C-alpha atoms as a PDB file:
ATOM      1  CA  UNK A   1      -3.877 190.624  39.584  1.00  0.00           C
ATOM      2  CA  UNK A   2      -1.483 193.375  40.933  1.00  0.00           C
ATOM      3  CA  UNK A   3       1.342 194.311  38.577  1.00  0.00           C
ATOM      4  CA  UNK A   4       3.575 194.963  41.757  1.00  0.00           C
ATOM      5  CA  UNK A   5       3.675 191.176  42.338  1.00  0.00           C
ATOM      6  CA  UNK A   6       5.120 190.275  38.973  1.00  0.00           C
ATOM      7  CA  UNK A   7       8.489 188.976  39.928  1.00  0.00           C
ATOM      8  CA  UNK A   8      10.701 191.411  37.900  1.00  0.00           C
ATOM      9  CA  UNK A   9       8.635 194.354  39.131  1.00  0.00           C
ATOM     10  CA  UNK A  10       9.213 192.995  42.884  1.00  0.00           C
ATOM     11  CA  UNK A  11      12.934 192.698  41.914  1.00  0.00           C
ATOM     12  CA  UNK A  12      13.048 196.367  41.069  1.00  0.00           C
ATOM     13  CA  UNK A  13      10.617 197.618  43.969  1.00  0.00           C
ATOM     14  CA  UNK A  14       8.096 198.837  41.855  1.00  0.00           C
ATOM     15  CA  UNK A  15       5.111 199.706  44.002  1.00  0.00           C
ATOM     16  CA  UNK A  16       1.693 201.539  44.236  1.00  0.00           C
ATOM     17  CA  UNK A  17       2.403 205.263  44.530  1.00  0.00           C
ATOM     18  CA  UNK A  18       2.224 206.596  47.908  1.00  0.00           C
ATOM     19  CA  UNK A  19       0.473 209.615  46.250  1.00  0.00           C
ATOM     20  CA  UNK A  20      -3.194 209.558  44.894  1.00  0.00           C
ATOM     21  CA  UNK A  21      -2.406 211.457  42.047  1.00  0.00           C
ATOM     22  CA  UNK A  22      -0.127 208.800  40.545  1.00  0.00           C
ATOM     23  CA  UNK A  23      -0.194 205.180  39.878  1.00  0.00           C
ATOM     24  CA  UNK A  24       3.097 203.463  40.646  1.00  0.00           C
ATOM     25  CA  UNK A  25       6.462 204.568  41.945  1.00  0.00           C
ATOM     26  CA  UNK A  26      10.058 203.536  41.997  1.00  0.00           C
ATOM     27  CA  UNK A  27      12.004 204.440  45.043  1.00  0.00           C
ATOM     28  CA  UNK A  28      15.378 206.546  45.028  1.00  0.00           C
ATOM     29  CA  UNK A  29      17.850 203.772  45.084  1.00  0.00           C
ATOM     30  CA  UNK A  30      21.718 203.893  44.135  1.00  0.00           C
ATOM     31  CA  UNK A  31      21.253 200.384  42.233  1.00  0.00           C
ATOM     32  CA  UNK A  32      18.774 202.361  39.674  1.00  0.00           C
ATOM     33  CA  UNK A  33      21.470 205.007  38.819  1.00  0.00           C
ATOM     34  CA  UNK A  34      23.656 205.221  35.617  1.00  0.00           C
ATOM     35  CA  UNK A  35      27.058 206.587  34.902  1.00  0.00           C
ATOM     36  CA  UNK A  36      25.492 210.196  35.053  1.00  0.00           C
ATOM     37  CA  UNK A  37      23.865 209.326  38.679  1.00  0.00           C
ATOM     38  CA  UNK A  38      20.455 209.792  37.158  1.00  0.00           C
ATOM     39  CA  UNK A  39      17.755 207.083  36.952  1.00  0.00           C
ATOM     40  CA  UNK A  40      18.710 204.452  34.621  1.00  0.00           C
ATOM     41  CA  UNK A  41      16.733 204.483  31.318  1.00  0.00           C
ATOM     42  CA  UNK A  42      15.667 200.805  31.592  1.00  0.00           C
ATOM     43  CA  UNK A  43      14.612 201.418  35.383  1.00  0.00           C
ATOM     44  CA  UNK A  44      12.494 204.149  33.886  1.00  0.00           C
ATOM     45  CA  UNK A  45      11.260 201.724  30.976  1.00  0.00           C
ATOM     46  CA  UNK A  46       9.948 198.965  33.352  1.00  0.00           C
ATOM     47  CA  UNK A  47       8.393 201.590  35.597  1.00  0.00           C
ATOM     48  CA  UNK A  48       6.281 202.721  32.551  1.00  0.00           C
ATOM     49  CA  UNK A  49       5.738 199.230  31.390  1.00  0.00           C
ATOM     50  CA  UNK A  50       4.134 198.170  34.659  1.00  0.00           C
ATOM     51  CA  UNK A  51       2.123 201.195  34.749  1.00  0.00           C
ATOM     52  CA  UNK A  52       0.628 200.708  31.393  1.00  0.00           C
ATOM     53  CA  UNK A  53      -0.254 197.154  32.505  1.00  0.00           C
ATOM     54  CA  UNK A  54      -1.457 198.296  35.854  1.00  0.00           C
ATOM     55  CA  UNK A  55      -3.857 200.907  34.106  1.00  0.00           C
ATOM     56  CA  UNK A  56      -5.322 197.999  32.064  1.00  0.00           C
ATOM     57  CA  UNK A  57      -5.702 195.798  35.151  1.00  0.00           C
ATOM     58  CA  UNK A  58      -7.587 198.596  36.962  1.00  0.00           C
ATOM     59  CA  UNK A  59      -9.804 199.496  34.142  1.00  0.00           C
ATOM     60  CA  UNK A  60     -11.033 196.437  32.912  1.00  0.00           C
ATOM     61  CA  UNK A  61     -14.561 195.249  34.496  1.00  0.00           C
ATOM     62  CA  UNK A  62     -13.792 192.593  37.150  1.00  0.00           C
ATOM     63  CA  UNK A  63     -15.568 189.755  34.862  1.00  0.00           C
ATOM     64  CA  UNK A  64     -13.199 190.480  31.853  1.00  0.00           C
ATOM     65  CA  UNK A  65      -9.918 190.821  33.654  1.00  0.00           C
ATOM     66  CA  UNK A  66      -9.488 187.230  34.703  1.00  0.00           C
ATOM     67  CA  UNK A  67     -10.063 186.382  30.968  1.00  0.00           C
ATOM     68  CA  UNK A  68      -7.828 188.539  29.099  1.00  0.00           C
ATOM     69  CA  UNK A  69      -4.096 188.459  28.345  1.00  0.00           C
ATOM     70  CA  UNK A  70      -2.463 191.517  27.635  1.00  0.00           C
ATOM     71  CA  UNK A  71       0.806 191.476  25.429  1.00  0.00           C
ATOM     72  CA  UNK A  72       3.106 194.461  24.818  1.00  0.00           C
ATOM     73  CA  UNK A  73       3.504 194.635  20.987  1.00  0.00           C
ATOM     74  CA  UNK A  74       5.082 198.047  20.260  1.00  0.00           C
ATOM     75  CA  UNK A  75       6.347 201.069  22.159  1.00  0.00           C
ATOM     76  CA  UNK A  76       7.261 204.662  21.410  1.00  0.00           C
ATOM     77  CA  UNK A  77       9.419 206.296  24.182  1.00  0.00           C
ATOM     78  CA  UNK A  78      10.711 209.761  24.669  1.00  0.00           C
ATOM     79  CA  UNK A  79      13.116 210.366  27.545  1.00  0.00           C
ATOM     80  CA  UNK A  80      12.614 213.951  28.171  1.00  0.00           C
ATOM     81  CA  UNK A  81      14.739 215.089  30.958  1.00  0.00           C
ATOM     82  CA  UNK A  82      17.557 213.268  33.598  1.00  0.00           C
ATOM     83  CA  UNK A  83      15.500 211.581  36.324  1.00  0.00           C
ATOM     84  CA  UNK A  84      16.542 211.640  39.899  1.00  0.00           C
ATOM     85  CA  UNK A  85      15.065 210.462  43.080  1.00  0.00           C
ATOM     86  CA  UNK A  86      11.382 208.688  43.410  1.00  0.00           C
ATOM     87  CA  UNK A  87      10.085 208.399  40.242  1.00  0.00           C
ATOM     88  CA  UNK A  88       5.937 208.218  39.749  1.00  0.00           C
ATOM     89  CA  UNK A  89       3.766 207.450  37.007  1.00  0.00           C
ATOM     90  CA  UNK A  90       0.479 208.327  35.382  1.00  0.00           C
ATOM     91  CA  UNK A  91      -1.204 206.150  32.712  1.00  0.00           C
ATOM     92  CA  UNK A  92      -4.199 206.707  30.405  1.00  0.00           C
ATOM     93  CA  UNK A  93      -5.825 205.276  27.383  1.00  0.00           C
ATOM     94  CA  UNK A  94      -5.351 206.817  24.144  1.00  0.00           C
ATOM     95  CA  UNK A  95      -8.251 207.404  21.525  1.00  0.00           C
ATOM     96  CA  UNK A  96     -10.704 204.625  23.254  1.00  0.00           C
ATOM     97  CA  UNK A  97     -12.653 204.011  26.161  1.00  0.00           C
ATOM     98  CA  UNK A  98     -12.906 200.690  28.136  1.00  0.00           C
ATOM     99  CA  UNK A  99     -16.584 200.210  27.360  1.00  0.00           C
ATOM    100  CA  UNK A 100     -15.414 200.401  23.658  1.00  0.00           C
ATOM    101  CA  UNK A 101     -12.540 197.908  24.297  1.00  0.00           C
ATOM    102  CA  UNK A 102     -14.845 195.505  26.299  1.00  0.00           C
ATOM    103  CA  UNK A 103     -17.514 195.556  23.450  1.00  0.00           C
ATOM    104  CA  UNK A 104     -14.633 194.827  20.631  1.00  0.00           C
ATOM    105  CA  UNK A 105     -13.218 192.149  22.989  1.00  0.00           C
ATOM    106  CA  UNK A 106     -16.544 190.480  23.263  1.00  0.00           C
ATOM    107  CA  UNK A 107     -17.222 190.624  19.729  1.00  0.00           C
ATOM    108  CA  UNK A 108     -13.650 189.885  17.897  1.00  0.00           C
ATOM    109  CA  UNK A 109     -11.879 188.254  20.987  1.00  0.00           C
ATOM    110  CA  UNK A 110      -9.261 190.584  20.494  1.00  0.00           C
ATOM    111  CA  UNK A 111      -8.292 194.286  20.460  1.00  0.00           C
ATOM    112  CA  UNK A 112      -5.361 196.717  20.035  1.00  0.00           C
ATOM    113  CA  UNK A 113      -5.058 199.443  22.277  1.00  0.00           C
ATOM    114  CA  UNK A 114      -2.604 202.337  23.472  1.00  0.00           C
ATOM    115  CA  UNK A 115      -1.831 203.444  27.096  1.00  0.00           C
ATOM    116  CA  UNK A 116       0.069 206.775  27.296  1.00  0.00           C
ATOM    117  CA  UNK A 117       2.475 206.455  30.196  1.00  0.00           C
ATOM    118  CA  UNK A 118       3.981 209.764  31.920  1.00  0.00           C
ATOM    119  CA  UNK A 119       6.871 209.472  34.471  1.00  0.00           C
ATOM    120  CA  UNK A 120       7.324 212.187  36.959  1.00  0.00           C
ATOM    121  CA  UNK A 121      10.258 213.077  39.321  1.00  0.00           C
ATOM    122  CA  UNK A 122      10.085 214.442  42.965  1.00  0.00           C
ATOM    123  CA  UNK A 123       9.783 218.008  41.585  1.00  0.00           C
ATOM    124  CA  UNK A 124       6.775 216.827  39.452  1.00  0.00           C
ATOM    125  CA  UNK A 125       8.900 217.391  36.098  1.00  0.00           C
ATOM    126  CA  UNK A 126       7.915 215.214  33.355  1.00  0.00           C
ATOM    127  CA  UNK A 127      11.056 212.886  32.738  1.00  0.00           C
ATOM    128  CA  UNK A 128       9.611 210.348  30.308  1.00  0.00           C
ATOM    129  CA  UNK A 129       6.730 209.820  28.106  1.00  0.00           C
ATOM    130  CA  UNK A 130       5.687 206.869  25.897  1.00  0.00           C
ATOM    131  CA  UNK A 131       2.902 205.345  23.808  1.00  0.00           C
ATOM    132  CA  UNK A 132       2.483 201.221  24.690  1.00  0.00           C
ATOM    133  CA  UNK A 133       0.298 199.419  22.268  1.00  0.00           C
ATOM    134  CA  UNK A 134      -1.041 196.165  23.616  1.00  0.00           C
ATOM    135  CA  UNK A 135      -2.559 193.505  22.067  1.00  0.00           C
ATOM    136  CA  UNK A 136      -5.168 192.063  24.205  1.00  0.00           C
ATOM    137  CA  UNK A 137      -6.795 188.602  23.641  1.00  0.00           C
ATOM    138  CA  UNK A 138      -9.712 187.070  25.281  1.00  0.00           C
ATOM    139  CA  UNK A 139      -8.803 183.668  26.722  1.00  0.00           C
END
């Protein structure tokens, strides 16, 4: 699955980043701005949530990916700076490895894991960071 094909992400125009150092991106559009003419908090959150999900989809072994259901459980968000222009994301796993997660999934049929997502503006300034806790279950 490609997270950019999720209908809501398509509505926002979330796409694969055009820079290999990043995961996803949200292009600069007037529709994404708030009353301060910076990127709206909800648009940043949507990009970040999609980025955490994309990391999981890319990280799980292919034989597992079709059999897992990740559901967002909890989020800790910090908006660092006002965001403008194209916003790009990076995502990593917190305190775990895919090998450990896969093993736990195979034995317990479910796992809790956390992705750390950072968003950057065009000047590579970090504008957002969040911990996304996911409940992942085997079908």
